[in-house]
Protein backbone atom coordinates (compact mmCIF):
# COMPACT_ATOMS: atom_id res chain seq x y z
CA MET A 1 51.02 31.40 48.92
CA GLN A 2 50.77 35.14 48.40
CA ARG A 3 47.68 37.25 48.85
CA SER A 4 46.45 39.27 45.88
CA LYS A 5 44.06 42.19 45.86
CA LEU A 6 40.38 41.32 45.62
CA VAL A 7 38.06 43.76 43.88
CA ALA A 8 34.43 44.59 44.65
CA ILE A 9 31.52 43.93 42.33
CA THR A 10 30.86 46.97 40.13
CA ALA A 11 27.64 48.90 39.85
CA SER A 12 27.52 48.46 36.09
CA VAL A 13 27.29 44.71 36.55
CA ALA A 14 24.67 45.09 39.27
CA VAL A 15 22.60 47.32 37.00
CA ALA A 16 22.99 44.92 34.08
CA ALA A 17 21.97 42.03 36.28
CA LEU A 18 18.89 43.90 37.45
CA ALA A 19 17.98 44.54 33.85
CA LEU A 20 18.38 40.85 33.07
CA THR A 21 16.02 39.85 35.84
CA GLY A 22 13.54 42.61 35.13
CA CYS A 23 13.65 43.86 38.71
CA ALA A 24 13.32 47.51 39.63
CA GLY A 25 15.60 49.00 42.26
CA GLY A 26 13.47 51.23 44.43
CA SER A 27 10.96 51.34 47.25
CA GLY A 28 7.70 53.04 47.81
CA SER A 29 7.14 55.11 50.93
CA ASP A 30 4.09 55.80 53.04
CA ASP A 31 5.81 57.35 56.03
CA THR A 32 3.18 60.08 56.40
CA ALA A 33 0.45 57.64 57.43
CA ASP A 34 -1.41 58.41 60.68
CA GLY A 35 -0.28 56.59 63.81
CA PRO A 36 2.85 54.59 64.51
CA ILE A 37 4.56 52.89 61.60
CA THR A 38 5.16 49.17 62.03
CA LEU A 39 8.18 47.66 60.29
CA GLU A 40 8.80 43.97 59.74
CA TYR A 41 12.42 42.93 60.33
CA TRP A 42 13.94 39.56 59.50
CA ALA A 43 17.20 38.76 61.25
CA TRP A 44 18.86 35.87 63.04
CA GLY A 45 21.09 35.61 66.11
CA THR A 46 20.89 36.50 69.79
CA THR A 47 21.76 40.16 69.18
CA GLN A 48 18.64 41.03 67.23
CA LYS A 49 15.90 40.89 69.86
CA PRO A 50 17.68 43.24 72.29
CA LEU A 51 18.46 45.59 69.39
CA VAL A 52 14.80 45.70 68.40
CA ASP A 53 13.65 46.09 72.02
CA ALA A 54 15.99 49.06 72.51
CA TRP A 55 14.83 50.68 69.26
CA ASN A 56 11.14 50.22 70.10
CA GLU A 57 11.58 51.78 73.52
CA ALA A 58 13.28 54.85 72.05
CA HIS A 59 11.10 55.24 68.93
CA PRO A 60 7.38 55.00 69.77
CA ASP A 61 6.40 56.33 66.32
CA ILE A 62 8.25 53.58 64.45
CA GLN A 63 7.80 50.14 65.93
CA VAL A 64 9.66 47.08 64.68
CA LYS A 65 8.45 43.49 64.72
CA HIS A 66 11.33 41.01 64.68
CA THR A 67 11.18 37.58 63.05
CA ASP A 68 14.02 35.07 63.07
CA ALA A 69 13.83 33.68 59.54
CA GLY A 70 16.86 31.45 59.97
CA GLY A 71 20.56 31.94 59.27
CA GLY A 72 22.06 33.84 56.36
CA GLY A 73 21.49 31.28 53.59
CA ASP A 74 18.02 30.27 54.73
CA SER A 75 16.94 33.86 55.21
CA SER A 76 18.19 34.95 51.78
CA ALA A 77 16.28 32.19 50.00
CA LYS A 78 13.11 33.12 51.89
CA LEU A 79 13.65 36.78 51.06
CA VAL A 80 13.73 36.09 47.33
CA THR A 81 10.51 34.08 47.55
CA ALA A 82 8.81 36.74 49.68
CA GLN A 83 9.91 39.56 47.38
CA ARG A 84 8.48 37.80 44.34
CA ALA A 85 5.16 37.71 46.18
CA ASN A 86 5.69 41.36 47.18
CA ASN A 87 5.43 40.55 50.89
CA ALA A 88 9.05 40.69 51.98
CA PRO A 89 9.77 42.42 55.30
CA ASP A 90 10.67 46.09 55.36
CA VAL A 91 14.18 45.41 56.62
CA ALA A 92 16.27 42.25 56.53
CA LEU A 93 19.70 41.24 57.69
CA VAL A 94 21.79 39.97 54.77
CA GLU A 95 25.30 38.55 54.84
CA TYR A 96 27.81 40.54 52.83
CA ASN A 97 28.54 37.65 50.49
CA THR A 98 24.87 37.20 49.54
CA LEU A 99 24.09 40.89 49.07
CA PRO A 100 25.02 40.89 45.33
CA ALA A 101 22.51 38.10 44.81
CA MET A 102 19.88 40.10 46.70
CA ILE A 103 20.54 43.07 44.40
CA VAL A 104 20.27 40.88 41.31
CA ALA A 105 17.02 39.38 42.61
CA GLY A 106 15.56 42.83 43.21
CA VAL A 107 15.28 42.33 46.98
CA ALA A 108 17.63 45.06 48.23
CA ALA A 109 16.54 48.61 47.45
CA ASP A 110 18.78 51.56 46.64
CA ILE A 111 18.75 53.61 49.86
CA SER A 112 21.39 56.16 48.90
CA GLU A 113 19.01 59.09 49.47
CA TYR A 114 18.66 58.04 53.11
CA THR A 115 22.21 57.10 54.06
CA GLY A 116 23.72 60.59 53.78
CA ASP A 117 27.09 60.74 55.51
CA LEU A 118 26.93 57.23 56.97
CA ALA A 119 30.03 56.21 55.01
CA GLU A 120 32.06 58.25 57.50
CA GLU A 121 30.94 55.88 60.25
CA TYR A 122 32.80 52.93 58.70
CA ALA A 123 36.19 51.90 57.44
CA PRO A 124 36.12 52.02 53.61
CA GLY A 125 36.50 48.26 53.26
CA VAL A 126 33.48 47.62 55.47
CA TRP A 127 31.30 50.28 53.85
CA SER A 128 32.15 48.84 50.44
CA GLN A 129 30.60 45.51 51.41
CA ALA A 130 27.13 47.08 51.11
CA THR A 131 27.77 49.93 48.68
CA PHE A 132 28.54 49.51 44.98
CA ASP A 133 29.95 52.41 42.95
CA GLY A 134 28.35 54.95 45.25
CA THR A 135 24.98 53.21 45.39
CA SER A 136 24.04 52.16 48.91
CA TYR A 137 22.08 48.94 49.32
CA GLY A 138 22.43 48.40 53.06
CA VAL A 139 23.88 49.57 56.36
CA PRO A 140 26.66 47.34 57.75
CA GLN A 141 25.86 45.97 61.19
CA ASP A 142 28.64 43.59 62.17
CA ALA A 143 31.98 42.38 60.90
CA GLY A 144 33.25 38.81 61.08
CA PRO A 145 36.98 38.69 60.36
CA GLN A 146 38.36 35.21 60.90
CA ALA A 147 40.22 34.37 64.11
CA LEU A 148 41.15 31.27 66.08
CA THR A 149 38.87 30.58 69.04
CA TYR A 150 40.51 27.83 71.09
CA ASN A 151 40.21 25.89 74.34
CA GLN A 152 43.00 27.56 76.27
CA ALA A 153 42.69 25.21 79.23
CA ARG A 154 43.00 22.08 77.10
CA PHE A 155 45.87 23.54 75.07
CA ALA A 156 47.73 24.15 78.32
CA GLU A 157 46.84 20.72 79.71
CA LEU A 158 48.18 18.97 76.60
CA GLY A 159 51.20 21.25 76.23
CA ILE A 160 50.08 22.70 72.88
CA GLU A 161 51.41 26.09 71.75
CA VAL A 162 48.93 28.36 70.00
CA PRO A 163 49.88 28.11 66.28
CA THR A 164 50.66 31.26 64.35
CA THR A 165 50.95 29.61 60.92
CA TRP A 166 48.97 26.86 59.25
CA ALA A 167 52.10 24.71 59.19
CA GLU A 168 52.29 25.06 62.97
CA PHE A 169 48.56 24.29 63.14
CA ALA A 170 49.17 20.96 61.40
CA THR A 171 51.97 20.17 63.86
CA ALA A 172 49.70 21.09 66.75
CA ALA A 173 47.03 18.78 65.32
CA GLU A 174 49.53 15.91 65.46
CA GLN A 175 50.45 16.78 69.04
CA VAL A 176 46.82 16.84 70.15
CA ARG A 177 46.12 13.40 68.72
CA ALA A 178 49.31 12.00 70.30
CA ALA A 179 48.52 13.49 73.71
CA ASP A 180 44.83 12.50 73.78
CA PRO A 181 43.46 9.97 71.25
CA ASP A 182 39.91 11.18 71.94
CA ALA A 183 40.69 14.79 71.06
CA TYR A 184 41.03 16.72 67.80
CA ILE A 185 42.36 20.21 67.31
CA THR A 186 39.40 21.19 65.16
CA THR A 187 36.71 20.14 62.70
CA PHE A 188 36.69 20.38 58.93
CA ALA A 189 33.00 20.88 58.22
CA PRO A 190 32.25 20.16 54.54
CA ALA A 191 29.14 22.36 54.53
CA GLU A 192 30.98 25.49 55.72
CA PHE A 193 31.15 27.42 52.46
CA GLY A 194 31.96 30.70 54.18
CA GLY A 195 34.70 29.19 56.30
CA PHE A 196 36.50 27.58 53.38
CA ALA A 197 36.04 30.72 51.30
CA GLY A 198 37.77 32.69 54.05
CA PHE A 199 40.73 30.29 54.17
CA ALA A 200 41.04 30.44 50.38
CA GLN A 201 40.77 34.23 50.23
CA GLN A 202 43.41 34.50 52.93
CA ALA A 203 45.66 32.42 50.65
CA GLY A 204 44.96 34.70 47.67
CA ALA A 205 41.98 33.08 45.96
CA GLU A 206 39.63 35.13 43.77
CA TRP A 207 36.59 33.01 42.97
CA TRP A 208 34.73 35.74 41.06
CA THR A 209 36.34 38.61 39.17
CA VAL A 210 34.73 41.05 36.78
CA ASP A 211 35.99 43.39 34.08
CA GLY A 212 33.16 45.53 32.79
CA ASP A 213 30.41 43.03 32.05
CA GLN A 214 32.80 40.08 31.65
CA TRP A 215 32.92 37.69 34.61
CA THR A 216 35.62 35.13 35.34
CA VAL A 217 34.95 32.27 37.76
CA ASP A 218 37.82 30.27 39.24
CA PHE A 219 37.03 28.09 42.24
CA ASP A 220 39.86 25.64 41.61
CA ASP A 221 42.66 28.18 41.31
CA GLU A 222 46.09 27.41 42.72
CA ALA A 223 45.42 29.01 46.10
CA SER A 224 42.08 27.23 46.63
CA VAL A 225 43.47 23.84 45.60
CA ALA A 226 46.40 24.31 47.98
CA VAL A 227 43.97 25.04 50.83
CA ALA A 228 41.88 21.99 49.90
CA ASP A 229 44.99 19.82 49.80
CA TYR A 230 46.05 21.12 53.22
CA TRP A 231 42.77 20.04 54.81
CA GLN A 232 42.77 16.82 52.77
CA ASP A 233 46.08 15.87 54.36
CA LEU A 234 44.77 16.51 57.88
CA ILE A 235 41.64 14.46 57.19
CA ASP A 236 43.59 11.58 55.63
CA ARG A 237 45.87 11.42 58.67
CA ASP A 238 42.90 11.55 61.09
CA LEU A 239 44.19 14.79 62.57
CA VAL A 240 40.90 16.69 62.26
CA LEU A 241 37.28 15.67 62.44
CA ALA A 242 35.46 15.73 59.12
CA GLU A 243 31.85 16.23 60.13
CA PRO A 244 29.19 18.94 60.43
CA LEU A 245 29.32 21.60 63.11
CA LEU A 246 26.79 22.28 65.87
CA THR A 247 25.12 18.88 65.75
CA PRO A 248 24.29 17.20 69.07
CA GLU A 249 27.32 14.94 68.57
CA TRP A 250 29.65 17.86 67.86
CA ASN A 251 28.28 19.85 70.78
CA ALA A 252 28.94 16.88 73.06
CA ARG A 253 32.53 16.56 71.85
CA LEU A 254 33.03 20.27 72.43
CA ASN A 255 31.66 20.13 75.98
CA GLU A 256 33.81 17.10 76.73
CA GLY A 257 36.91 19.03 75.71
CA ASN A 258 37.54 16.90 72.64
CA VAL A 259 37.21 19.65 70.03
CA LEU A 260 39.90 22.17 70.88
CA SER A 261 39.46 25.05 68.44
CA TRP A 262 37.29 26.67 65.83
CA PRO A 263 38.90 28.86 63.14
CA ALA A 264 35.95 31.07 62.23
CA GLY A 265 34.62 34.63 62.43
CA LEU A 266 34.85 36.64 65.63
CA TRP A 267 31.26 35.62 66.29
CA ALA A 268 32.44 32.10 67.19
CA ALA A 269 32.77 32.97 70.87
CA GLY A 270 29.07 33.73 71.12
CA VAL A 271 28.10 30.55 69.29
CA ILE A 272 30.29 28.34 71.45
CA ASN A 273 28.99 30.01 74.60
CA GLY A 274 25.48 29.22 73.41
CA VAL A 275 26.17 25.47 73.33
CA ALA A 276 28.85 25.21 76.05
CA SER A 277 28.26 27.99 78.57
CA ASP A 278 29.71 25.87 81.39
CA MET A 279 33.09 26.18 79.66
CA ALA A 280 33.28 29.95 80.21
CA GLY A 281 36.79 30.89 81.29
CA GLN A 282 38.39 27.94 79.51
CA TRP A 283 38.46 29.46 76.02
CA ALA A 284 40.43 32.29 74.43
CA MET A 285 40.90 33.94 71.05
CA ALA A 286 44.02 34.46 68.94
CA PRO A 287 44.75 35.66 65.40
CA LEU A 288 44.07 33.14 62.64
CA PRO A 289 47.15 31.15 61.59
CA GLN A 290 48.91 32.55 58.51
CA TRP A 291 49.59 30.74 55.24
CA THR A 292 52.76 32.79 54.76
CA GLU A 293 54.65 33.77 57.89
CA GLY A 294 54.51 37.52 58.31
CA ASP A 295 51.37 37.98 56.18
CA SER A 296 48.66 38.69 58.74
CA ALA A 297 45.81 39.27 56.28
CA VAL A 298 42.54 37.51 57.00
CA ALA A 299 39.16 37.43 55.28
CA PHE A 300 35.65 38.00 56.53
CA GLN A 301 33.64 34.95 57.51
CA GLY A 302 30.23 36.40 57.89
CA GLY A 303 29.34 39.93 58.73
CA SER A 304 26.05 41.41 57.66
CA ALA A 305 24.18 44.51 56.61
CA ALA A 306 20.59 45.58 57.17
CA VAL A 307 18.88 46.15 53.82
CA VAL A 308 15.61 47.86 53.03
CA THR A 309 13.62 45.68 50.68
CA THR A 310 11.86 46.74 47.53
CA SER A 311 8.61 45.50 49.08
CA SER A 312 8.69 48.09 51.85
CA GLU A 313 6.14 50.90 51.84
CA HIS A 314 8.13 52.73 54.53
CA ALA A 315 11.57 53.04 52.98
CA GLU A 316 12.65 56.15 54.87
CA ALA A 317 11.62 54.77 58.28
CA ALA A 318 13.18 51.40 57.43
CA ALA A 319 16.46 53.08 56.48
CA GLU A 320 16.39 55.08 59.73
CA PHE A 321 16.05 51.84 61.69
CA ALA A 322 18.83 50.17 59.69
CA ALA A 323 21.12 53.14 60.34
CA TRP A 324 20.38 53.18 64.07
CA ILE A 325 21.11 49.50 64.64
CA GLY A 326 24.28 49.86 62.60
CA THR A 327 25.76 53.08 63.97
CA SER A 328 24.24 54.16 67.29
CA GLU A 329 26.23 53.82 70.50
CA GLU A 330 23.37 52.01 72.22
CA ALA A 331 23.16 49.43 69.44
CA ALA A 332 26.93 48.95 69.47
CA GLN A 333 26.89 48.31 73.22
CA ILE A 334 24.25 45.63 72.72
CA GLN A 335 26.30 43.99 69.98
CA ILE A 336 29.38 43.95 72.19
CA GLU A 337 27.47 42.46 75.12
CA GLU A 338 26.30 39.67 72.83
CA GLY A 339 29.84 39.01 71.55
CA GLN A 340 29.23 40.51 68.12
CA TYR A 341 31.94 42.71 66.61
CA PRO A 342 30.38 45.99 65.44
CA ALA A 343 31.00 47.10 61.88
CA SER A 344 31.01 50.81 62.73
CA LEU A 345 34.22 52.58 63.72
CA ALA A 346 32.58 54.01 66.84
CA GLY A 347 31.34 50.58 67.85
CA GLN A 348 34.78 49.08 67.36
CA GLN A 349 36.27 51.83 69.50
CA LEU A 350 33.74 51.07 72.25
CA THR A 351 34.92 47.46 72.38
CA LEU A 352 38.28 48.61 73.77
CA ASP A 353 36.57 49.59 77.03
CA ALA A 354 34.28 46.56 77.13
CA ASP A 355 34.50 43.29 79.00
CA ALA A 356 35.56 40.25 77.02
CA PRO A 357 32.79 37.96 75.74
CA ALA A 358 31.19 35.65 78.28
CA LEU A 359 33.10 32.63 76.93
CA MET A 360 36.50 34.12 77.80
CA PRO A 361 36.02 36.61 80.65
CA GLN A 362 39.66 36.11 81.68
CA GLN A 363 41.06 37.41 78.37
CA ASP A 364 41.67 41.07 79.09
CA ASP A 365 43.19 41.71 75.65
CA TYR A 366 40.35 40.11 73.67
CA TRP A 367 39.08 43.31 72.07
CA GLU A 368 42.58 44.66 71.42
CA ILE A 369 43.38 41.50 69.48
CA ALA A 370 40.03 41.75 67.71
CA ALA A 371 40.82 45.33 66.67
CA GLN A 372 44.16 44.27 65.22
CA ILE A 373 42.55 41.39 63.34
CA ALA A 374 39.92 43.76 61.94
CA GLU A 375 42.68 46.11 60.80
CA ASP A 376 44.36 43.20 58.99
CA THR A 377 41.17 42.12 57.20
CA ILE A 378 41.37 42.09 53.39
CA PRO A 379 39.58 45.36 52.55
CA GLU A 380 37.73 44.37 49.39
CA ILE A 381 36.44 40.91 48.53
CA SER A 382 34.58 40.09 45.34
CA TRP A 383 31.42 38.00 45.56
CA GLY A 384 29.47 36.92 42.51
CA PRO A 385 25.75 37.28 41.79
CA ASN A 386 24.92 33.65 42.60
CA VAL A 387 26.61 32.96 45.93
CA ASN A 388 23.54 30.99 47.02
CA VAL A 389 24.04 28.60 44.09
CA ALA A 390 27.75 28.35 44.81
CA SER A 391 27.16 27.63 48.49
CA SER A 392 24.67 24.85 47.76
CA ALA A 393 26.91 23.28 45.11
CA PHE A 394 29.94 23.53 47.40
CA GLN A 395 28.12 21.86 50.28
CA ASP A 396 26.91 19.00 48.09
CA ALA A 397 30.29 18.43 46.42
CA MET A 398 32.37 18.73 49.60
CA SER A 399 30.06 16.48 51.60
CA ALA A 400 30.20 13.85 48.86
CA ALA A 401 33.99 14.08 48.73
CA VAL A 402 34.29 13.52 52.49
CA THR A 403 31.78 10.67 52.43
CA ASN A 404 33.31 8.96 49.38
CA GLY A 405 36.93 9.65 50.18
CA THR A 406 37.49 11.55 46.94
CA PRO A 407 39.72 14.65 46.70
CA LEU A 408 38.37 17.90 48.15
CA SER A 409 39.98 19.74 45.24
CA GLY A 410 37.65 17.90 42.87
CA ALA A 411 34.70 19.37 44.77
CA LEU A 412 35.98 22.83 43.90
CA THR A 413 35.97 21.96 40.20
CA GLU A 414 32.43 20.60 40.47
CA THR A 415 31.31 23.76 42.27
CA GLU A 416 32.84 25.96 39.58
CA LYS A 417 30.96 24.14 36.82
CA VAL A 418 27.62 24.60 38.59
CA VAL A 419 28.31 28.28 39.20
CA VAL A 420 29.35 28.97 35.61
CA ASP A 421 26.41 27.07 34.13
CA ASP A 422 23.99 28.96 36.38
CA MET A 423 25.47 32.35 35.45
CA LYS A 424 25.29 31.53 31.75
CA THR A 425 21.68 30.46 32.13
CA SER A 426 20.96 33.79 33.84
CA GLY A 427 22.46 35.69 30.93
CA PHE A 428 25.85 36.69 32.29
CA ASP A 429 28.94 36.86 30.09
CA VAL A 430 31.19 34.47 31.99
CA THR A 431 34.24 32.30 31.46
CA ALA A 432 35.81 29.66 33.69
CA GLU A 433 39.52 29.49 34.41
């Protein structure tokens, strides 16, 4: 399966979508008020509190109050509700794939007048995740290119070679089950929209494309169906677990050494360390297996930008905070310590002199491998205006397919129908492939 170029959403579509929803794209500002400014900041993850603490210590005139409003999907839904009531926070962390929906909903403000030369701080492909046709809607904070985080000790114990292709991964899955009937190489989690999207994009899938104002939606394209069939085969042969991630049962399997890898964003090391810290030193990271040998391209799974909301009365101060947590050396050091891969070029350079994440302190080349993976990341990925709808539909359809034993590829077709119907209802000019 060959990879094809993925294009970014265009500003003309974003503007048209804003017109459809009747949302304005700007923020008020009251940054001349007496006394310290207090900003509300919604963001999830272990990195955020130390980032806010460091900012507050260095900026007594602009203080930030942090609230964990849940993960990317939960937070985005709450943001839309809060914006409609005009009480959204000043700044919010938004995953790259949901940012178009936040623009359409009128949540993310145009902050171009405050971002200046910030584009120089990022690789073009990363900056483009939060900037559409020269209009800046956020400051990238972290990048989550997909990699393979694996239990190095258990691989060695069972005599399993680290796979470099997905064909080798399937063979390794067989070897794991033969060597230890209680163990599985990994989990296929039906609710992981972002994970499956990354696998499909790596294979060449383009779920949303746009030409002017004309959208095309194709969730069951050849590449995506091939990826679904690949995982279907592993599930049918009982070579992978088909269950949710990070449940008490899954965490127990992981700690027992019976889940041996997690193909996910570079943030996986921090998540695993959070639920299995006693396993530090047993795990390592390698590049994600390839669909086509020699094609090292991978997609983002996660990664986020700090946006200033249209509810904020302190847009300039909010943008200053967003820029600091995204580009300052102090913020980058905090991200690295927490196992987060910085989006900024300077932050990525700093990783090369940093210790490996706590989960794999023995892996001296961790950050060098991470840098190479980041360099191989597909530079531009198109996300549609209703990723939240797509994610919910995908989770429902995939979970039903796993439960009922029906084809995973059929879940892609069901997801596409929901996405297209929703876009048509919202007034978009859209066709399904």
